[in-house]
Amino acid sequence: IIIQDWNGKRKYEKMLAAGWTVDHIVPRALSR
């Protein structure tokens, strides 16, 4: 997910609203 992008933020918020929790995040250096 590109959280800075509108679609990415919407996907992230929908997952949280559906009861999912974030276990961990792996940042990418070369891509957003």
All heavy atoms as atom14 arrays in JSON, in Angstrom:
{
  "sequence": "IIIQDWNGKRKYEKMLAAGWTVDHIVPRALSR",
  "atom14_mask": [
    [1, 1, 1, 1, 1, 1, 1, 1, 0, 0, 0, 0, 0, 0],
    [1, 1, 1, 1, 1, 1, 1, 1, 0, 0, 0, 0, 0, 0],
    [1, 1, 1, 1, 1, 1, 1, 1, 0, 0, 0, 0, 0, 0],
    [1, 1, 1, 1, 1, 1, 1, 1, 1, 0, 0, 0, 0, 0],
    [1, 1, 1, 1, 1, 1, 1, 1, 0, 0, 0, 0, 0, 0],
    [1, 1, 1, 1, 1, 1, 1, 1, 1, 1, 1, 1, 1, 1],
    [1, 1, 1, 1, 1, 1, 1, 1, 0, 0, 0, 0, 0, 0],
    [1, 1, 1, 1, 0, 0, 0, 0, 0, 0, 0, 0, 0, 0],
    [1, 1, 1, 1, 1, 1, 1, 1, 1, 0, 0, 0, 0, 0],
    [1, 1, 1, 1, 1, 1, 1, 1, 1, 1, 1, 0, 0, 0],
    [1, 1, 1, 1, 1, 1, 1, 1, 1, 0, 0, 0, 0, 0],
    [1, 1, 1, 1, 1, 1, 1, 1, 1, 1, 1, 1, 0, 0],
    [1, 1, 1, 1, 1, 1, 1, 1, 1, 0, 0, 0, 0, 0],
    [1, 1, 1, 1, 1, 1, 1, 1, 1, 0, 0, 0, 0, 0],
    [1, 1, 1, 1, 1, 1, 1, 1, 0, 0, 0, 0, 0, 0],
    [1, 1, 1, 1, 1, 1, 1, 1, 0, 0, 0, 0, 0, 0],
    [1, 1, 1, 1, 1, 0, 0, 0, 0, 0, 0, 0, 0, 0],
    [1, 1, 1, 1, 1, 0, 0, 0, 0, 0, 0, 0, 0, 0],
    [1, 1, 1, 1, 0, 0, 0, 0, 0, 0, 0, 0, 0, 0],
    [1, 1, 1, 1, 1, 1, 1, 1, 1, 1, 1, 1, 1, 1],
    [1, 1, 1, 1, 1, 1, 1, 0, 0, 0, 0, 0, 0, 0],
    [1, 1, 1, 1, 1, 1, 1, 0, 0, 0, 0, 0, 0, 0],
    [1, 1, 1, 1, 1, 1, 1, 1, 0, 0, 0, 0, 0, 0],
    [1, 1, 1, 1, 1, 1, 1, 1, 1, 1, 0, 0, 0, 0],
    [1, 1, 1, 1, 1, 1, 1, 1, 0, 0, 0, 0, 0, 0],
    [1, 1, 1, 1, 1, 1, 1, 0, 0, 0, 0, 0, 0, 0],
    [1, 1, 1, 1, 1, 1, 1, 0, 0, 0, 0, 0, 0, 0],
    [1, 1, 1, 1, 1, 1, 1, 1, 1, 1, 1, 0, 0, 0],
    [1, 1, 1, 1, 1, 0, 0, 0, 0, 0, 0, 0, 0, 0],
    [1, 1, 1, 1, 1, 1, 1, 1, 0, 0, 0, 0, 0, 0],
    [1, 1, 1, 1, 1, 1, 0, 0, 0, 0, 0, 0, 0, 0],
    [1, 1, 1, 1, 1, 1, 1, 1, 1, 1, 1, 0, 0, 0]
  ],
  "atom14_positions": [
    [[0.84, -1.2, 0.0], [0.0, 0.0, 0.0], [0.87, 1.25, 0.0], [1.86, 1.32, 0.73], [-0.91, 0.02, 1.24], [-1.84, -1.19, 1.25], [-1.71, 1.31, 1.3], [-2.68, -1.29, 2.51], [0.0, 0.0, 0.0], [0.0, 0.0, 0.0], [0.0, 0.0, 0.0], [0.0, 0.0, 0.0], [0.0, 0.0, 0.0], [0.0, 0.0, 0.0]],
    [[0.48, 2.22, -0.81], [1.09, 3.56, -0.77], [0.15, 4.4, 0.08], [-0.91, 4.84, -0.36], [1.24, 4.16, -2.18], [2.12, 3.26, -3.04], [1.83, 5.56, -2.09], [2.16, 3.68, -4.5], [0.0, 0.0, 0.0], [0.0, 0.0, 0.0], [0.0, 0.0, 0.0], [0.0, 0.0, 0.0], [0.0, 0.0, 0.0], [0.0, 0.0, 0.0]],
    [[0.5, 4.58, 1.35], [-0.4, 5.23, 2.3], [-0.57, 6.72, 2.0], [-1.58, 7.32, 2.36], [0.08, 4.98, 3.75], [-1.08, 5.06, 4.74], [1.15, 5.95, 4.15], [-1.99, 3.89, 4.71], [0.0, 0.0, 0.0], [0.0, 0.0, 0.0], [0.0, 0.0, 0.0], [0.0, 0.0, 0.0], [0.0, 0.0, 0.0], [0.0, 0.0, 0.0]],
    [[0.4, 7.34, 1.3], [0.29, 8.76, 0.96], [-0.71, 8.98, -0.17], [-1.18, 10.09, -0.36], [1.66, 9.31, 0.55], [2.69, 9.33, 1.63], [3.46, 8.02, 1.74], [3.18, 7.06, 1.04], [4.43, 7.98, 2.63], [0.0, 0.0, 0.0], [0.0, 0.0, 0.0], [0.0, 0.0, 0.0], [0.0, 0.0, 0.0], [0.0, 0.0, 0.0]],
    [[-1.02, 7.94, -0.91], [-1.95, 8.02, -2.03], [-3.38, 7.9, -1.49], [-3.63, 7.18, -0.52], [-1.65, 6.89, -3.01], [-2.46, 6.97, -4.28], [-2.78, 8.09, -4.7], [-2.77, 5.9, -4.84], [0.0, 0.0, 0.0], [0.0, 0.0, 0.0], [0.0, 0.0, 0.0], [0.0, 0.0, 0.0], [0.0, 0.0, 0.0], [0.0, 0.0, 0.0]],
    [[-4.34, 8.55, -2.12], [-5.73, 8.54, -1.67], [-6.29, 7.12, -1.67], [-6.93, 6.7, -0.71], [-6.57, 9.46, -2.55], [-7.98, 9.56, -2.08], [-8.45, 10.34, -1.07], [-9.1, 8.84, -2.58], [-9.8, 10.16, -0.91], [-10.23, 9.23, -1.84], [-9.28, 7.91, -3.59], [-11.5, 8.73, -2.08], [-10.55, 7.41, -3.82], [-11.63, 7.83, -3.07]],
    [[-6.05, 6.35, -2.75], [-6.56, 4.98, -2.82], [-5.9, 4.09, -1.77], [-6.56, 3.23, -1.18], [-6.34, 4.38, -4.21], [-7.35, 4.87, -5.21], [-8.46, 5.22, -4.84], [-6.97, 4.91, -6.47], [0.0, 0.0, 0.0], [0.0, 0.0, 0.0], [0.0, 0.0, 0.0], [0.0, 0.0, 0.0], [0.0, 0.0, 0.0], [0.0, 0.0, 0.0]],
    [[-4.63, 4.28, -1.54], [-3.92, 3.5, -0.53], [-4.45, 3.78, 0.87], [-4.64, 2.87, 1.67], [0.0, 0.0, 0.0], [0.0, 0.0, 0.0], [0.0, 0.0, 0.0], [0.0, 0.0, 0.0], [0.0, 0.0, 0.0], [0.0, 0.0, 0.0], [0.0, 0.0, 0.0], [0.0, 0.0, 0.0], [0.0, 0.0, 0.0], [0.0, 0.0, 0.0]],
    [[-4.69, 5.04, 1.15], [-5.22, 5.41, 2.46], [-6.62, 4.82, 2.65], [-6.96, 4.34, 3.73], [-5.25, 6.92, 2.61], [-5.66, 7.38, 3.97], [-5.47, 8.86, 4.13], [-5.86, 9.25, 5.54], [-5.04, 10.26, 6.09], [0.0, 0.0, 0.0], [0.0, 0.0, 0.0], [0.0, 0.0, 0.0], [0.0, 0.0, 0.0], [0.0, 0.0, 0.0]],
    [[-7.42, 4.84, 1.59], [-8.78, 4.28, 1.67], [-8.74, 2.77, 1.91], [-9.48, 2.24, 2.73], [-9.54, 4.59, 0.39], [-11.03, 4.31, 0.54], [-11.79, 4.71, -0.67], [-11.59, 3.64, -1.65], [-11.86, 3.72, -2.93], [-12.31, 4.84, -3.42], [-11.66, 2.72, -3.73], [0.0, 0.0, 0.0], [0.0, 0.0, 0.0], [0.0, 0.0, 0.0]],
    [[-7.82, 2.04, 1.22], [-7.67, 0.6, 1.44], [-7.28, 0.31, 2.89], [-7.83, -0.59, 3.52], [-6.58, 0.02, 0.53], [-6.98, -0.21, -0.88], [-5.81, -0.87, -1.61], [-5.95, -0.77, -3.09], [-4.77, -1.3, -3.79], [0.0, 0.0, 0.0], [0.0, 0.0, 0.0], [0.0, 0.0, 0.0], [0.0, 0.0, 0.0], [0.0, 0.0, 0.0]],
    [[-6.34, 1.08, 3.39], [-5.86, 0.92, 4.77], [-7.0, 1.13, 5.77], [-7.21, 0.32, 6.67], [-4.72, 1.91, 5.01], [-4.15, 1.88, 6.39], [-3.24, 0.9, 6.77], [-4.51, 2.85, 7.33], [-2.7, 0.88, 8.05], [-3.98, 2.84, 8.61], [-3.08, 1.85, 8.96], [-2.56, 1.83, 10.22], [0.0, 0.0, 0.0], [0.0, 0.0, 0.0]],
    [[-7.77, 2.19, 5.58], [-8.88, 2.49, 6.48], [-9.98, 1.44, 6.41], [-10.59, 1.09, 7.42], [-9.43, 3.88, 6.19], [-8.48, 4.98, 6.61], [-8.9, 6.37, 6.17], [-9.86, 6.48, 5.36], [-8.29, 7.34, 6.62], [0.0, 0.0, 0.0], [0.0, 0.0, 0.0], [0.0, 0.0, 0.0], [0.0, 0.0, 0.0], [0.0, 0.0, 0.0]],
    [[-10.25, 0.9, 5.2], [-11.26, -0.14, 5.05], [-10.85, -1.42, 5.77], [-11.68, -2.09, 6.37], [-11.51, -0.43, 3.57], [-12.38, 0.6, 2.87], [-12.56, 0.31, 1.41], [-13.49, -0.85, 1.22], [-13.79, -1.09, -0.21], [0.0, 0.0, 0.0], [0.0, 0.0, 0.0], [0.0, 0.0, 0.0], [0.0, 0.0, 0.0], [0.0, 0.0, 0.0]],
    [[-9.58, -1.77, 5.71], [-9.09, -2.96, 6.4], [-9.26, -2.8, 7.91], [-9.72, -3.72, 8.59], [-7.63, -3.22, 6.06], [-7.38, -3.63, 4.62], [-8.08, -5.23, 4.22], [-6.93, -6.3, 5.05], [0.0, 0.0, 0.0], [0.0, 0.0, 0.0], [0.0, 0.0, 0.0], [0.0, 0.0, 0.0], [0.0, 0.0, 0.0], [0.0, 0.0, 0.0]],
    [[-8.91, -1.63, 8.44], [-9.05, -1.4, 9.88], [-10.52, -1.41, 10.29], [-10.88, -1.95, 11.34], [-8.4, -0.08, 10.28], [-6.88, -0.01, 10.12], [-6.37, 1.36, 10.55], [-6.19, -1.11, 10.9], [0.0, 0.0, 0.0], [0.0, 0.0, 0.0], [0.0, 0.0, 0.0], [0.0, 0.0, 0.0], [0.0, 0.0, 0.0], [0.0, 0.0, 0.0]],
    [[-11.39, -0.84, 9.46], [-12.82, -0.8, 9.77], [-13.43, -2.2, 9.73], [-14.41, -2.47, 10.44], [-13.54, 0.11, 8.79], [0.0, 0.0, 0.0], [0.0, 0.0, 0.0], [0.0, 0.0, 0.0], [0.0, 0.0, 0.0], [0.0, 0.0, 0.0], [0.0, 0.0, 0.0], [0.0, 0.0, 0.0], [0.0, 0.0, 0.0], [0.0, 0.0, 0.0]],
    [[-12.86, -3.11, 8.95], [-13.37, -4.47, 8.84], [-12.86, -5.38, 9.95], [-13.14, -6.57, 9.96], [-12.99, -5.06, 7.47], [0.0, 0.0, 0.0], [0.0, 0.0, 0.0], [0.0, 0.0, 0.0], [0.0, 0.0, 0.0], [0.0, 0.0, 0.0], [0.0, 0.0, 0.0], [0.0, 0.0, 0.0], [0.0, 0.0, 0.0], [0.0, 0.0, 0.0]],
    [[-12.1, -4.83, 10.89], [-11.65, -5.61, 12.03], [-10.24, -6.16, 11.93], [-9.81, -6.92, 12.79], [0.0, 0.0, 0.0], [0.0, 0.0, 0.0], [0.0, 0.0, 0.0], [0.0, 0.0, 0.0], [0.0, 0.0, 0.0], [0.0, 0.0, 0.0], [0.0, 0.0, 0.0], [0.0, 0.0, 0.0], [0.0, 0.0, 0.0], [0.0, 0.0, 0.0]],
    [[-9.5, -5.8, 10.9], [-8.12, -6.24, 10.75], [-7.22, -5.36, 11.61], [-7.49, -4.18, 11.8], [-7.68, -6.14, 9.29], [-8.38, -7.1, 8.37], [-9.57, -6.88, 7.74], [-7.96, -8.4, 8.0], [-9.9, -7.97, 6.98], [-8.92, -8.93, 7.13], [-6.85, -9.18, 8.32], [-8.81, -10.2, 6.57], [-6.75, -10.44, 7.76], [-7.72, -10.94, 6.9]],
    [[-6.14, -5.92, 12.12], [-5.13, -5.14, 12.83], [-3.81, -5.26, 12.09], [-3.55, -6.25, 11.4], [-4.93, -5.64, 14.28], [-4.57, -7.02, 14.24], [-6.18, -5.47, 15.11], [0.0, 0.0, 0.0], [0.0, 0.0, 0.0], [0.0, 0.0, 0.0], [0.0, 0.0, 0.0], [0.0, 0.0, 0.0], [0.0, 0.0, 0.0], [0.0, 0.0, 0.0]],
    [[-2.96, -4.25, 12.2], [-1.67, -4.25, 11.53], [-0.67, -4.99, 12.42], [-0.42, -4.58, 13.55], [-1.18, -2.81, 11.25], [0.19, -2.82, 10.59], [-2.18, -2.07, 10.39], [0.0, 0.0, 0.0], [0.0, 0.0, 0.0], [0.0, 0.0, 0.0], [0.0, 0.0, 0.0], [0.0, 0.0, 0.0], [0.0, 0.0, 0.0], [0.0, 0.0, 0.0]],
    [[-0.12, -6.09, 11.91], [0.9, -6.83, 12.66], [2.26, -6.16, 12.52], [2.94, -5.93, 13.51], [1.0, -8.27, 12.18], [-0.06, -9.15, 12.82], [-0.72, -8.7, 13.76], [-0.21, -10.29, 12.36], [0.0, 0.0, 0.0], [0.0, 0.0, 0.0], [0.0, 0.0, 0.0], [0.0, 0.0, 0.0], [0.0, 0.0, 0.0], [0.0, 0.0, 0.0]],
    [[2.66, -5.89, 11.3], [3.91, -5.16, 11.09], [3.93, -4.54, 9.7], [3.16, -4.92, 8.83], [5.14, -6.02, 11.36], [5.27, -7.2, 10.46], [4.64, -8.39, 10.7], [5.98, -7.39, 9.33], [4.94, -9.26, 9.75], [5.74, -8.68, 8.91], [0.0, 0.0, 0.0], [0.0, 0.0, 0.0], [0.0, 0.0, 0.0], [0.0, 0.0, 0.0]],
    [[4.83, -3.59, 9.54], [4.99, -2.85, 8.29], [6.43, -2.99, 7.83], [7.35, -2.82, 8.62], [4.66, -1.36, 8.49], [3.24, -1.19, 9.03], [4.85, -0.58, 7.2], [2.95, 0.2, 9.54], [0.0, 0.0, 0.0], [0.0, 0.0, 0.0], [0.0, 0.0, 0.0], [0.0, 0.0, 0.0], [0.0, 0.0, 0.0], [0.0, 0.0, 0.0]],
    [[6.61, -3.32, 6.55], [7.95, -3.41, 5.97], [8.1, -2.24, 5.0], [7.5, -2.23, 3.92], [8.15, -4.75, 5.22], [9.55, -4.82, 4.64], [7.88, -5.92, 6.15], [0.0, 0.0, 0.0], [0.0, 0.0, 0.0], [0.0, 0.0, 0.0], [0.0, 0.0, 0.0], [0.0, 0.0, 0.0], [0.0, 0.0, 0.0], [0.0, 0.0, 0.0]],
    [[8.87, -1.21, 5.38], [9.03, -0.06, 4.48], [9.89, -0.41, 3.28], [10.77, -1.27, 3.36], [9.71, 0.99, 5.36], [10.32, 0.24, 6.47], [9.57, -1.04, 6.64], [0.0, 0.0, 0.0], [0.0, 0.0, 0.0], [0.0, 0.0, 0.0], [0.0, 0.0, 0.0], [0.0, 0.0, 0.0], [0.0, 0.0, 0.0], [0.0, 0.0, 0.0]],
    [[9.63, 0.23, 2.18], [10.4, 0.04, 0.95], [11.23, 1.28, 0.68], [10.7, 2.39, 0.7], [9.48, -0.24, -0.24], [8.7, -1.5, -0.09], [9.62, -2.68, -0.32], [8.87, -3.91, -0.17], [9.39, -5.01, 0.33], [10.63, -5.03, 0.73], [8.67, -6.09, 0.43], [0.0, 0.0, 0.0], [0.0, 0.0, 0.0], [0.0, 0.0, 0.0]],
    [[12.48, 1.09, 0.4], [13.38, 2.23, 0.19], [13.27, 2.78, -1.23], [13.29, 3.99, -1.43], [14.82, 1.81, 0.48], [0.0, 0.0, 0.0], [0.0, 0.0, 0.0], [0.0, 0.0, 0.0], [0.0, 0.0, 0.0], [0.0, 0.0, 0.0], [0.0, 0.0, 0.0], [0.0, 0.0, 0.0], [0.0, 0.0, 0.0], [0.0, 0.0, 0.0]],
    [[13.14, 1.92, -2.21], [13.18, 2.37, -3.6], [11.81, 2.69, -4.19], [11.72, 3.43, -5.15], [13.89, 1.33, -4.47], [15.35, 1.08, -4.08], [15.93, -0.01, -4.97], [16.17, 2.34, -4.19], [0.0, 0.0, 0.0], [0.0, 0.0, 0.0], [0.0, 0.0, 0.0], [0.0, 0.0, 0.0], [0.0, 0.0, 0.0], [0.0, 0.0, 0.0]],
    [[10.76, 2.11, -3.63], [9.43, 2.44, -4.13], [8.65, 3.11, -3.02], [9.01, 3.05, -1.85], [8.7, 1.18, -4.61], [8.37, 0.37, -3.51], [0.0, 0.0, 0.0], [0.0, 0.0, 0.0], [0.0, 0.0, 0.0], [0.0, 0.0, 0.0], [0.0, 0.0, 0.0], [0.0, 0.0, 0.0], [0.0, 0.0, 0.0], [0.0, 0.0, 0.0]],
    [[7.55, 3.75, -3.38], [6.76, 4.45, -2.37], [5.9, 3.51, -1.55], [5.46, 3.85, -0.47], [5.88, 5.48, -3.07], [6.68, 6.6, -3.68], [5.84, 7.56, -4.51], [4.47, 7.73, -4.04], [3.47, 8.07, -4.83], [3.66, 8.25, -6.1], [2.27, 8.22, -4.34], [0.0, 0.0, 0.0], [0.0, 0.0, 0.0], [0.0, 0.0, 0.0]]
  ]
}
